[in-house]
């Protein structure tokens, strides 16, 4: 069986420095396991790069040459040596909650060819998935309740990378393409999308297994800005290809494939390609999955900015421009939190634009108010000078180097004491003393980019005990409406909350099943109440 392997020297690229003004402790949260795609992610620390830019600069990945192996197939991961290494890493790193699994591509591309019937292709896919399922079951046997994200693959680029090279038959991937009987873009993309759809169906019925469809991601992010070097030729702009399936008659752009000067890779992405892939995984999964006990998105109706001269805007501006100072105003519906104190809370903000210098520094000021600063919950001119319940300077982490990156404001104890479930909580974030520098953050109109407040509960005698989320399993997830909830405790009620923390549905329990089909598509949180406490489970409604 042919394996897709790396044949030349790796050129390491430097990563941008993450923004940090206070001390933070690095905690391993992700175990990286897999094939050559994992090999590159490990070598270039791609997961760390993406987590920093998602605001989680305190979280890191763990892997090594025995876990992320160039050319690996599922049989290699199922070997005694690799299984023992997985067991050792999960035992030695109890803070690991996620396994990033990249495997299966070599199994399929090493066996599939264009002469196969659909039935033969289905049988091959089934054999790959049986092995993949065995890997997943082993990992879950070592650490029950661990979350596994199957990385999947973006489109390849065999035909263009090979046929536009100096000597096509001497291209390192020519034999692989030949073994597949020279598929065109549509043929190989079609079977790759079939694999993705099949794995999506598997995740829908298997607890704690996740997958983000992104075969067309390279096309979407980078576009085909110069003419494709082989038929069908042509171009398309950045942002026009669907992320989940892309344009199936085009490959991933040649500019996104690894460049070895004398030839372009046909299968492996460039450094920027893998960074874009992991950034999308963070956007759709890791960022919010790594939050603590509860997270809330800012309320769109009560979010904006206010200036010293009384300018009120729906945009989130902070800093100084044209002699006027702007502050960002955020509101979170903290009535959805438990009746307890907080041991930690952070605000995550994604940078959208910058005018002049950068006002984000260690001297940011956060004001907090239980309820609202002015006479109304909406942003108003009086908010700027309103008296807060407390003021403090946050510790800043995450990334501050470019637009579309996240900073994380770890709130000081003086702020934490004012956040409770008795009323919504409003914040004003300012950059005192800056001049000719203003930043704009993404607003709350898109839940992927909206400001977030992450909360970690403390303990008080009267607090409602929160049950670990892995005490219950829900499936399918994502769902079209029908959900099954399984666990070891009797459930007294289930409430469904939106990402603002508002209860939007009280579904009736029918044995172990609930129906949320009346809800609009999006992400929700199930509050599962038992005699001993409450478990919080995230669910996506298709």
Protein backbone atom coordinates (compact mmCIF):
# COMPACT_ATOMS: atom_id res chain seq x y z
CA UNK A 1 0.00 0.00 0.00
CA UNK A 2 1.37 3.43 -0.92
CA UNK A 3 1.74 5.91 1.88
CA UNK A 4 1.79 9.65 1.40
CA UNK A 5 5.06 10.60 3.05
CA UNK A 6 7.29 13.62 3.42
CA UNK A 7 10.41 13.34 1.31
CA UNK A 8 12.28 16.58 1.86
CA UNK A 9 13.63 18.77 4.62
CA UNK A 10 11.18 20.86 6.63
CA UNK A 11 11.75 24.59 6.76
CA UNK A 12 10.50 25.90 10.11
CA UNK A 13 8.80 29.27 10.18
CA UNK A 14 8.67 31.60 13.15
CA UNK A 15 5.38 32.30 14.85
CA UNK A 16 4.16 35.73 15.91
CA UNK A 17 4.59 36.52 19.58
CA UNK A 18 1.46 36.28 21.71
CA UNK A 19 0.43 39.34 23.67
CA UNK A 20 0.91 39.11 27.42
CA UNK A 21 1.24 41.63 30.24
CA UNK A 22 0.83 39.38 33.29
CA UNK A 23 2.17 36.00 34.24
CA UNK A 24 0.17 32.99 33.09
CA UNK A 25 0.76 29.28 33.50
CA UNK A 26 0.80 27.03 30.42
CA UNK A 27 -1.58 24.11 30.81
CA UNK A 28 -1.60 21.19 28.34
CA UNK A 29 -5.15 20.68 27.06
CA UNK A 30 -4.78 18.93 23.68
CA UNK A 31 -3.09 15.65 22.73
CA UNK A 32 -2.14 15.62 19.04
CA UNK A 33 -2.14 12.19 17.38
CA UNK A 34 -1.97 11.22 13.73
CA UNK A 35 -0.28 11.20 10.35
CA UNK A 36 1.82 13.65 8.33
CA UNK A 37 -0.74 16.41 8.84
CA UNK A 38 -0.30 15.97 12.59
CA UNK A 39 3.46 15.74 11.98
CA UNK A 40 3.51 19.25 10.49
CA UNK A 41 1.18 20.62 13.18
CA UNK A 42 3.51 19.20 15.83
CA UNK A 43 6.72 20.41 14.19
CA UNK A 44 5.38 23.93 13.67
CA UNK A 45 3.35 24.15 16.92
CA UNK A 46 0.30 25.05 14.86
CA UNK A 47 -2.21 24.30 17.62
CA UNK A 48 -0.42 26.59 20.07
CA UNK A 49 -0.34 29.31 17.40
CA UNK A 50 -4.09 29.03 16.83
CA UNK A 51 -5.00 28.81 20.53
CA UNK A 52 -3.05 32.00 21.28
CA UNK A 53 -4.93 33.80 18.53
CA UNK A 54 -8.19 32.55 19.97
CA UNK A 55 -7.30 34.09 23.35
CA UNK A 56 -6.31 30.79 24.99
CA UNK A 57 -2.58 31.53 25.23
CA UNK A 58 -2.53 29.65 28.55
CA UNK A 59 -3.37 26.36 26.83
CA UNK A 60 -0.98 24.18 24.84
CA UNK A 61 -0.83 20.87 22.98
CA UNK A 62 1.26 17.77 23.65
CA UNK A 63 2.70 15.43 21.02
CA UNK A 64 5.94 13.78 19.97
CA UNK A 65 7.56 11.80 17.16
CA UNK A 66 5.80 8.62 18.32
CA UNK A 67 2.33 10.19 18.14
CA UNK A 68 2.52 12.45 15.07
CA UNK A 69 4.12 10.27 12.44
CA UNK A 70 4.75 11.10 8.80
CA UNK A 71 2.97 8.52 6.62
CA UNK A 72 1.04 6.93 9.49
CA UNK A 73 -2.12 4.90 8.88
CA UNK A 74 -4.71 3.83 11.42
CA UNK A 75 -2.92 0.48 11.88
CA UNK A 76 0.14 2.42 13.04
CA UNK A 77 -1.87 4.27 15.67
CA UNK A 78 -3.36 0.95 16.78
CA UNK A 79 0.10 -0.55 17.33
CA UNK A 80 1.07 -1.48 20.87
CA UNK A 81 3.82 1.13 20.99
CA UNK A 82 1.60 4.03 19.94
CA UNK A 83 -1.27 2.94 22.18
CA UNK A 84 1.14 2.78 25.12
CA UNK A 85 2.41 6.27 24.30
CA UNK A 86 -1.16 7.63 24.19
CA UNK A 87 -1.82 6.01 27.58
CA UNK A 88 1.36 7.49 29.05
CA UNK A 89 0.58 11.01 27.82
CA UNK A 90 -3.02 10.97 29.05
CA UNK A 91 -1.88 9.58 32.41
CA UNK A 92 0.96 12.07 32.85
CA UNK A 93 -1.13 15.05 31.69
CA UNK A 94 -4.44 14.93 33.56
CA UNK A 95 -5.34 18.43 32.30
CA UNK A 96 -5.66 17.14 28.72
CA UNK A 97 -9.35 17.28 27.82
CA UNK A 98 -9.09 16.99 24.02
CA UNK A 99 -7.47 14.72 21.46
CA UNK A 100 -6.83 16.25 18.04
CA UNK A 101 -6.87 13.23 15.75
CA UNK A 102 -5.60 13.42 12.15
CA UNK A 103 -5.66 9.95 10.62
CA UNK A 104 -7.28 8.02 7.77
CA UNK A 105 -6.07 9.98 4.74
CA UNK A 106 -3.25 7.59 3.93
CA UNK A 107 -5.54 4.57 4.43
CA UNK A 108 -7.95 5.88 1.81
CA UNK A 109 -5.69 7.49 -0.77
CA UNK A 110 -3.33 4.54 -0.60
CA UNK A 111 -6.10 2.15 -1.69
CA UNK A 112 -8.67 4.09 -3.73
CA UNK A 113 -8.57 4.55 -7.50
CA UNK A 114 -10.89 5.95 -10.17
CA UNK A 115 -11.87 2.52 -11.52
CA UNK A 116 -13.70 1.61 -8.33
CA UNK A 117 -17.46 1.41 -8.36
CA UNK A 118 -19.43 3.35 -5.77
CA UNK A 119 -19.98 0.06 -3.92
CA UNK A 120 -16.24 -0.64 -3.80
CA UNK A 121 -15.56 2.92 -2.66
CA UNK A 122 -18.18 2.57 0.08
CA UNK A 123 -16.58 -0.68 1.25
CA UNK A 124 -13.16 0.98 1.39
CA UNK A 125 -14.56 3.91 3.36
CA UNK A 126 -16.27 1.52 5.76
CA UNK A 127 -13.01 -0.36 6.36
CA UNK A 128 -11.22 2.92 7.10
CA UNK A 129 -13.97 3.98 9.51
CA UNK A 130 -13.96 0.64 11.33
CA UNK A 131 -10.26 1.17 12.06
CA UNK A 132 -10.79 4.84 12.92
CA UNK A 133 -13.56 3.85 15.32
CA UNK A 134 -11.17 1.39 16.98
CA UNK A 135 -8.65 4.18 17.56
CA UNK A 136 -11.36 6.40 19.05
CA UNK A 137 -12.66 3.62 21.29
CA UNK A 138 -9.17 2.97 22.60
CA UNK A 139 -8.61 6.64 23.45
CA UNK A 140 -11.97 6.79 25.25
CA UNK A 141 -11.14 3.63 27.19
CA UNK A 142 -8.01 5.32 28.52
CA UNK A 143 -9.82 8.57 29.38
CA UNK A 144 -13.63 8.21 29.52
CA UNK A 145 -15.39 11.46 28.65
CA UNK A 146 -12.45 12.95 26.76
CA UNK A 147 -13.43 14.98 23.70
CA UNK A 148 -11.97 13.92 20.36
CA UNK A 149 -11.84 16.22 17.34
CA UNK A 150 -11.14 14.44 14.05
CA UNK A 151 -9.22 17.00 12.05
CA UNK A 152 -10.30 15.93 8.57
CA UNK A 153 -8.56 17.14 5.43
CA UNK A 154 -8.80 20.00 2.95
CA UNK A 155 -8.78 19.30 -0.78
CA UNK A 156 -5.57 17.98 -2.30
CA UNK A 157 -3.87 19.33 -5.44
CA UNK A 158 -2.35 16.42 -7.33
CA UNK A 159 -2.98 17.32 -10.95
CA UNK A 160 -1.83 20.94 -10.93
CA UNK A 161 1.15 20.49 -8.60
CA UNK A 162 2.42 17.55 -10.66
CA UNK A 163 1.61 18.67 -14.20
CA UNK A 164 3.02 22.19 -13.76
CA UNK A 165 6.28 20.93 -12.22
CA UNK A 166 9.54 20.80 -14.20
CA UNK A 167 9.40 17.01 -14.56
CA UNK A 168 5.94 15.61 -13.76
CA UNK A 169 6.95 11.93 -13.69
CA UNK A 170 9.74 12.75 -11.23
CA UNK A 171 7.42 14.61 -8.88
CA UNK A 172 7.46 12.84 -5.46
CA UNK A 173 3.67 12.42 -5.53
CA UNK A 174 3.43 11.22 -9.13
CA UNK A 175 3.37 7.54 -8.09
CA UNK A 176 0.56 8.23 -5.62
CA UNK A 177 -1.48 9.99 -8.31
CA UNK A 178 -0.67 7.19 -10.74
CA UNK A 179 -1.77 4.60 -8.18
CA UNK A 180 -5.14 6.35 -7.98
CA UNK A 181 -5.30 6.20 -11.83
CA UNK A 182 -4.90 9.95 -12.30
CA UNK A 183 -8.13 11.34 -10.81
CA UNK A 184 -9.17 14.84 -11.83
CA UNK A 185 -10.22 17.41 -9.24
CA UNK A 186 -13.90 16.52 -9.32
CA UNK A 187 -13.26 12.81 -8.87
CA UNK A 188 -10.96 13.06 -5.87
CA UNK A 189 -12.92 15.90 -4.27
CA UNK A 190 -16.15 13.93 -4.58
CA UNK A 191 -14.83 10.97 -2.61
CA UNK A 192 -13.24 13.29 -0.04
CA UNK A 193 -16.60 14.96 0.52
CA UNK A 194 -18.23 11.54 0.84
CA UNK A 195 -15.76 10.68 3.61
CA UNK A 196 -16.45 13.97 5.36
CA UNK A 197 -20.22 13.44 5.22
CA UNK A 198 -19.87 9.91 6.54
CA UNK A 199 -17.75 11.06 9.46
CA UNK A 200 -20.19 13.85 10.19
CA UNK A 201 -22.94 11.20 10.44
CA UNK A 202 -20.71 9.17 12.77
CA UNK A 203 -20.18 12.19 15.04
CA UNK A 204 -23.93 12.87 15.11
CA UNK A 205 -24.51 9.52 16.81
CA UNK A 206 -21.35 9.21 18.92
CA UNK A 207 -20.96 11.20 22.17
CA UNK A 208 -17.90 13.44 22.62
CA UNK A 209 -16.66 13.05 19.02
CA UNK A 210 -16.48 16.22 16.94
CA UNK A 211 -15.74 17.15 13.34
CA UNK A 212 -15.64 20.50 11.55
CA UNK A 213 -16.31 20.11 7.82
CA UNK A 214 -13.79 22.22 5.93
CA UNK A 215 -12.69 20.54 2.69
CA UNK A 216 -13.08 23.89 0.89
CA UNK A 217 -11.40 26.02 3.56
CA UNK A 218 -8.21 26.75 1.60
CA UNK A 219 -10.31 27.83 -1.38
CA UNK A 220 -12.40 30.10 0.85
CA UNK A 221 -9.54 31.71 2.78
CA UNK A 222 -6.99 32.15 -0.02
CA UNK A 223 -9.05 32.10 -3.23
CA UNK A 224 -7.80 31.21 -6.71
CA UNK A 225 -6.27 34.61 -7.44
CA UNK A 226 -4.23 33.52 -10.46
CA UNK A 227 -5.44 31.20 -13.19
CA UNK A 228 -5.44 27.51 -12.36
CA UNK A 229 -2.48 25.99 -14.16
CA UNK A 230 -4.46 23.09 -15.67
CA UNK A 231 -8.08 22.66 -16.87
CA UNK A 232 -10.60 24.01 -16.01
CA UNK A 233 -8.36 27.06 -15.51
CA UNK A 234 -9.97 30.25 -14.28
CA UNK A 235 -9.99 32.12 -10.98
CA UNK A 236 -12.36 32.92 -8.12
CA UNK A 237 -12.13 35.58 -5.39
CA UNK A 238 -11.28 35.09 -1.74
CA UNK A 239 -14.32 34.28 0.38
CA UNK A 240 -16.53 32.92 -2.41
CA UNK A 241 -15.96 29.17 -2.07
CA UNK A 242 -18.16 27.41 0.52
CA UNK A 243 -16.01 26.30 3.45
CA UNK A 244 -17.66 22.93 3.93
CA UNK A 245 -17.46 21.60 0.35
CA UNK A 246 -15.76 24.34 -1.68
CA UNK A 247 -15.80 24.22 -5.47
CA UNK A 248 -15.49 20.50 -6.17
CA UNK A 249 -14.02 21.01 -9.65
CA UNK A 250 -11.06 22.96 -8.21
CA UNK A 251 -8.24 21.84 -5.89
CA UNK A 252 -6.90 23.64 -2.86
CA UNK A 253 -4.99 26.57 -4.41
CA UNK A 254 -1.38 25.81 -5.25
CA UNK A 255 -0.33 28.76 -3.08
CA UNK A 256 -1.66 26.90 -0.02
CA UNK A 257 0.38 23.75 -0.65
CA UNK A 258 3.80 23.23 0.91
CA UNK A 259 6.53 24.75 -1.25
CA UNK A 260 9.84 22.92 -1.70
CA UNK A 261 11.15 25.36 -4.33
CA UNK A 262 11.66 22.72 -7.03
CA UNK A 263 8.11 21.40 -6.63
CA UNK A 264 4.87 21.99 -4.76
CA UNK A 265 3.38 19.38 -2.44
CA UNK A 266 0.23 17.66 -3.65
CA UNK A 267 -1.19 16.70 -0.26
CA UNK A 268 0.30 18.74 2.59
CA UNK A 269 -0.59 22.34 3.34
CA UNK A 270 1.79 25.24 3.79
CA UNK A 271 2.46 26.72 7.22
CA UNK A 272 -0.18 29.37 6.56
CA UNK A 273 -2.58 26.68 5.33
CA UNK A 274 -2.32 24.66 8.54
CA UNK A 275 -2.65 27.84 10.59
CA UNK A 276 -5.84 28.72 8.73
CA UNK A 277 -7.16 25.19 9.31
CA UNK A 278 -6.50 25.29 13.06
CA UNK A 279 -7.84 28.84 13.32
CA UNK A 280 -11.10 27.57 11.85
CA UNK A 281 -11.12 24.62 14.26
CA UNK A 282 -10.73 27.14 17.08
CA UNK A 283 -13.50 29.30 15.68
CA UNK A 284 -15.95 26.42 15.37
CA UNK A 285 -14.89 24.28 18.31
CA UNK A 286 -11.87 24.78 20.54
CA UNK A 287 -12.34 28.38 21.67
CA UNK A 288 -15.71 27.86 23.32
CA UNK A 289 -15.15 24.20 24.20
CA UNK A 290 -12.19 25.31 26.33
CA UNK A 291 -14.20 27.80 28.37
CA UNK A 292 -14.66 27.04 32.06
CA UNK A 293 -17.95 26.45 33.91
CA UNK A 294 -20.05 28.85 31.87
CA UNK A 295 -19.57 31.36 29.11
CA UNK A 296 -21.88 34.12 27.90
CA UNK A 297 -21.95 36.13 24.69
CA UNK A 298 -22.52 39.85 24.99
CA UNK A 299 -26.06 41.08 24.48
CA UNK A 300 -26.27 42.68 20.99
CA UNK A 301 -28.94 45.16 22.14
CA UNK A 302 -26.75 46.43 24.99
CA UNK A 303 -23.34 46.49 23.34
CA UNK A 304 -21.53 49.40 21.70
CA UNK A 305 -19.25 52.29 22.52
CA UNK A 306 -19.52 55.72 24.10
CA UNK A 307 -17.11 58.67 23.95
CA UNK A 308 -16.10 61.41 26.33
CA UNK A 309 -17.87 63.93 24.07
CA UNK A 310 -21.11 61.93 24.17
CA UNK A 311 -20.86 60.03 20.89
CA UNK A 312 -22.78 56.73 21.09
CA UNK A 313 -22.20 54.02 18.48
CA UNK A 314 -23.12 50.41 17.90
CA UNK A 315 -19.50 49.66 16.98
CA UNK A 316 -17.07 48.57 19.70
CA UNK A 317 -14.45 51.32 19.74
CA UNK A 318 -11.75 51.94 22.34
CA UNK A 319 -9.02 54.58 22.38
CA UNK A 320 -8.56 58.15 21.15
CA UNK A 321 -9.27 59.74 17.77
CA UNK A 322 -9.65 63.40 16.75
CA UNK A 323 -9.45 64.53 20.36
CA UNK A 324 -12.25 62.25 21.60
CA UNK A 325 -11.82 59.25 23.90
CA UNK A 326 -13.91 56.13 23.27
CA UNK A 327 -14.81 53.27 25.59
CA UNK A 328 -16.31 49.86 24.77
CA UNK A 329 -19.55 48.95 26.56
CA UNK A 330 -20.51 45.28 27.01
CA UNK A 331 -23.48 43.67 28.73
CA UNK A 332 -23.84 40.02 29.75
CA UNK A 333 -26.93 38.32 31.09
CA UNK A 334 -25.34 36.97 34.27
CA UNK A 335 -28.75 36.06 35.71
CA UNK A 336 -28.08 32.74 33.95
CA UNK A 337 -25.08 31.96 36.18
CA UNK A 338 -25.26 29.80 39.28
CA UNK A 339 -26.02 31.29 42.69
CA UNK A 340 -22.37 31.31 43.68
CA UNK A 341 -19.24 33.38 43.63
CA UNK A 342 -16.66 33.39 40.85
CA UNK A 343 -13.06 32.27 41.24
CA UNK A 344 -12.15 33.53 37.78
CA UNK A 345 -13.69 35.48 34.91
CA UNK A 346 -12.31 36.70 31.60
CA UNK A 347 -13.56 38.80 28.71
CA UNK A 348 -12.53 37.80 25.18
CA UNK A 349 -12.48 40.44 22.42
CA UNK A 350 -11.61 39.93 18.73
CA UNK A 351 -9.83 42.80 17.03
CA UNK A 352 -11.53 44.06 13.87
CA UNK A 353 -9.61 47.21 12.96
CA UNK A 354 -6.98 49.67 14.10
CA UNK A 355 -6.55 53.41 13.52
CA UNK A 356 -3.20 54.94 14.38
CA UNK A 357 -1.23 53.22 17.10
CA UNK A 358 -2.42 50.33 19.24
CA UNK A 359 -4.18 51.36 22.47
CA UNK A 360 -4.21 47.83 23.90
CA UNK A 361 -1.71 47.71 26.74
CA UNK A 362 -1.34 46.66 30.35
CA UNK A 363 -3.02 49.88 31.50
CA UNK A 364 -6.53 49.08 30.28
CA UNK A 365 -9.27 49.95 32.74
CA UNK A 366 -12.43 47.92 33.35
CA UNK A 367 -15.48 49.34 35.14
CA UNK A 368 -18.31 47.06 36.23
CA UNK A 369 -21.94 47.68 37.16
CA UNK A 370 -24.53 45.21 38.35
CA UNK A 371 -27.46 46.20 36.15
CA UNK A 372 -26.58 49.11 33.85
CA UNK A 373 -24.52 52.28 34.09
CA UNK A 374 -27.08 54.75 32.84
CA UNK A 375 -30.84 55.00 33.12
CA UNK A 376 -31.34 52.31 30.47
CA UNK A 377 -29.71 49.02 29.56
CA UNK A 378 -28.88 50.30 26.08
CA UNK A 379 -25.68 52.27 25.57
CA UNK A 380 -26.16 55.99 26.25
CA UNK A 381 -23.96 59.10 26.56
CA UNK A 382 -24.30 59.17 30.36
CA UNK A 383 -22.57 55.78 30.63
CA UNK A 384 -19.15 57.33 30.08
CA UNK A 385 -19.08 59.19 33.39
CA UNK A 386 -21.47 56.97 35.38
CA UNK A 387 -20.27 55.69 38.75
CA UNK A 388 -19.25 52.00 38.63
CA UNK A 389 -19.59 49.40 41.38
CA UNK A 390 -15.86 48.68 40.99
CA UNK A 391 -12.88 49.54 38.79
CA UNK A 392 -9.81 47.45 38.07
CA UNK A 393 -6.93 46.75 35.70
CA UNK A 394 -7.16 43.38 33.91
CA UNK A 395 -4.31 41.09 33.00
CA UNK A 396 -4.06 40.81 29.23
CA UNK A 397 -3.30 37.63 27.34
CA UNK A 398 -3.98 36.10 23.95
CA UNK A 399 -2.77 37.82 20.81
CA UNK A 400 -2.52 41.47 19.93
CA UNK A 401 -0.58 41.43 16.69
CA UNK A 402 -3.20 41.73 13.97
CA UNK A 403 -6.87 41.98 13.13
CA UNK A 404 -9.00 38.85 13.63
CA UNK A 405 -7.01 37.86 16.71
CA UNK A 406 -8.39 37.69 20.24
CA UNK A 407 -7.21 39.33 23.45
CA UNK A 408 -8.27 37.95 26.80
CA UNK A 409 -8.86 40.24 29.78
CA UNK A 410 -8.53 38.30 33.05
CA UNK A 411 -10.58 40.34 35.49
CA UNK A 412 -9.18 41.30 38.92
CA UNK A 413 -10.85 40.25 42.21
CA UNK A 414 -12.40 43.70 42.69
CA UNK A 415 -14.41 43.13 39.49
CA UNK A 416 -15.26 39.50 40.23
CA UNK A 417 -16.96 40.45 43.49
CA UNK A 418 -19.53 42.52 41.60
CA UNK A 419 -20.62 39.81 39.16
CA UNK A 420 -23.62 37.80 40.35
CA UNK A 421 -26.90 36.25 39.28
CA UNK A 422 -29.11 39.02 40.68
CA UNK A 423 -28.95 41.19 37.55
CA UNK A 424 -27.24 41.46 34.16
CA UNK A 425 -23.71 42.83 34.36
CA UNK A 426 -22.39 45.73 32.30
CA UNK A 427 -18.74 46.59 31.66
CA UNK A 428 -16.98 49.67 30.30
CA UNK A 429 -13.49 49.03 28.96
CA UNK A 430 -11.17 51.99 28.39
CA UNK A 431 -7.58 52.77 27.43
CA UNK A 432 -6.76 55.82 29.57
CA UNK A 433 -3.94 58.12 28.54
CA UNK A 434 -3.59 57.01 24.92
CA UNK A 435 -3.57 59.40 21.97
CA UNK A 436 -4.03 58.95 18.21
CA UNK A 437 -4.75 55.25 18.64
CA UNK A 438 -8.12 53.54 18.45
CA UNK A 439 -9.06 49.89 18.14
CA UNK A 440 -12.38 48.43 17.03
CA UNK A 441 -13.56 45.01 18.19
CA UNK A 442 -16.07 42.69 16.57
CA UNK A 443 -19.61 43.25 17.82
CA UNK A 444 -22.18 40.64 18.87
CA UNK A 445 -23.84 40.21 15.47
CA UNK A 446 -21.98 36.94 14.73
CA UNK A 447 -21.81 34.40 17.55
CA UNK A 448 -18.43 33.12 16.29
CA UNK A 449 -16.84 36.54 16.85
CA UNK A 450 -19.00 38.12 19.57
CA UNK A 451 -17.42 39.29 22.84
CA UNK A 452 -17.38 36.49 25.40
CA UNK A 453 -17.33 36.36 29.18
CA UNK A 454 -15.87 33.13 30.52
CA UNK A 455 -16.65 32.24 34.14
CA UNK A 456 -15.23 29.74 36.61
CA UNK A 457 -17.35 29.20 39.68
CA UNK A 458 -16.07 29.34 43.22
CA UNK A 459 -17.61 27.47 46.14
CA UNK A 460 -20.06 28.82 48.69
CA UNK A 461 -22.14 26.88 51.22
CA UNK A 462 -25.39 27.70 49.41
CA UNK A 463 -24.10 27.22 45.88
CA UNK A 464 -25.84 24.82 43.56
CA UNK A 465 -23.42 22.01 42.86
CA UNK A 466 -22.41 21.78 39.23
CA UNK A 467 -22.08 18.22 37.99
CA UNK A 468 -19.20 17.55 35.56
CA UNK A 469 -20.44 17.82 31.98
CA UNK A 470 -19.19 14.34 31.14
CA UNK A 471 -21.67 12.83 33.63
CA UNK A 472 -24.17 12.97 30.77
CA UNK A 473 -23.94 12.24 27.06
CA UNK A 474 -26.16 13.82 24.42
CA UNK A 475 -26.58 12.69 20.86
CA UNK A 476 -26.83 13.33 18.01
CA UNK A 477 -24.89 16.57 18.27
CA UNK A 478 -25.38 18.54 16.01
CA UNK A 479 -29.07 17.66 15.88
CA UNK A 480 -32.08 18.50 13.74
CA UNK A 481 -34.17 18.62 16.92
CA UNK A 482 -34.39 15.15 18.50
CA UNK A 483 -31.93 14.56 21.35
CA UNK A 484 -31.19 11.60 23.61
CA UNK A 485 -29.66 12.26 27.04
CA UNK A 486 -27.96 9.42 28.90
CA UNK A 487 -26.32 9.40 32.33
CA UNK A 488 -26.19 7.70 35.70
CA UNK A 489 -28.50 10.10 37.55
CA UNK A 490 -32.24 10.63 37.24
CA UNK A 491 -33.05 13.88 35.47
CA UNK A 492 -35.66 16.10 37.11
CA UNK A 493 -35.78 18.75 34.39
CA UNK A 494 -33.99 20.09 31.33
CA UNK A 495 -33.80 23.75 30.32
CA UNK A 496 -32.36 25.07 27.07
CA UNK A 497 -30.48 28.39 27.18
CA UNK A 498 -29.13 30.50 24.34
CA UNK A 499 -25.57 31.83 24.37
CA UNK A 500 -26.73 34.95 26.22
CA UNK A 501 -27.80 32.67 29.06
CA UNK A 502 -31.53 33.20 28.48
CA UNK A 503 -33.79 30.17 28.96
CA UNK A 504 -35.53 29.71 25.61
CA UNK A 505 -37.18 26.31 26.02
CA UNK A 506 -38.42 23.94 28.74
CA UNK A 507 -38.65 20.69 26.76
CA UNK A 508 -40.59 17.77 28.19
CA UNK A 509 -38.61 14.61 28.92
CA UNK A 510 -39.99 11.52 27.21
CA UNK A 511 -37.93 8.74 28.76
CA UNK A 512 -34.42 9.86 27.73
CA UNK A 513 -35.47 12.08 24.84
CA UNK A 514 -36.23 15.76 24.32
CA UNK A 515 -37.28 17.74 21.24
CA UNK A 516 -35.70 21.12 20.44
CA UNK A 517 -36.82 21.27 16.80
CA UNK A 518 -38.79 24.48 17.50
CA UNK A 519 -35.53 26.39 18.06
CA UNK A 520 -33.70 28.32 15.37
CA UNK A 521 -30.38 26.87 14.16
CA UNK A 522 -27.44 27.72 16.43
CA UNK A 523 -25.59 26.72 19.57
CA UNK A 524 -27.43 26.22 22.86
CA UNK A 525 -26.66 25.02 26.38
CA UNK A 526 -28.70 22.29 28.09
CA UNK A 527 -29.10 22.80 31.84
CA UNK A 528 -29.66 19.22 33.05
CA UNK A 529 -30.93 19.24 36.64
CA UNK A 530 -30.72 16.23 38.97
CA UNK A 531 -31.10 15.75 42.71
CA UNK A 532 -27.39 16.41 43.24
CA UNK A 533 -26.90 19.42 40.96
CA UNK A 534 -26.83 20.71 37.40
CA UNK A 535 -24.78 19.64 34.37
CA UNK A 536 -24.22 21.99 31.43
CA UNK A 537 -23.98 20.48 27.95
CA UNK A 538 -23.51 22.39 24.70
CA UNK A 539 -25.55 21.34 21.67
CA UNK A 540 -25.75 22.59 18.08
CA UNK A 541 -29.17 22.78 16.41
CA UNK A 542 -28.88 22.39 12.61
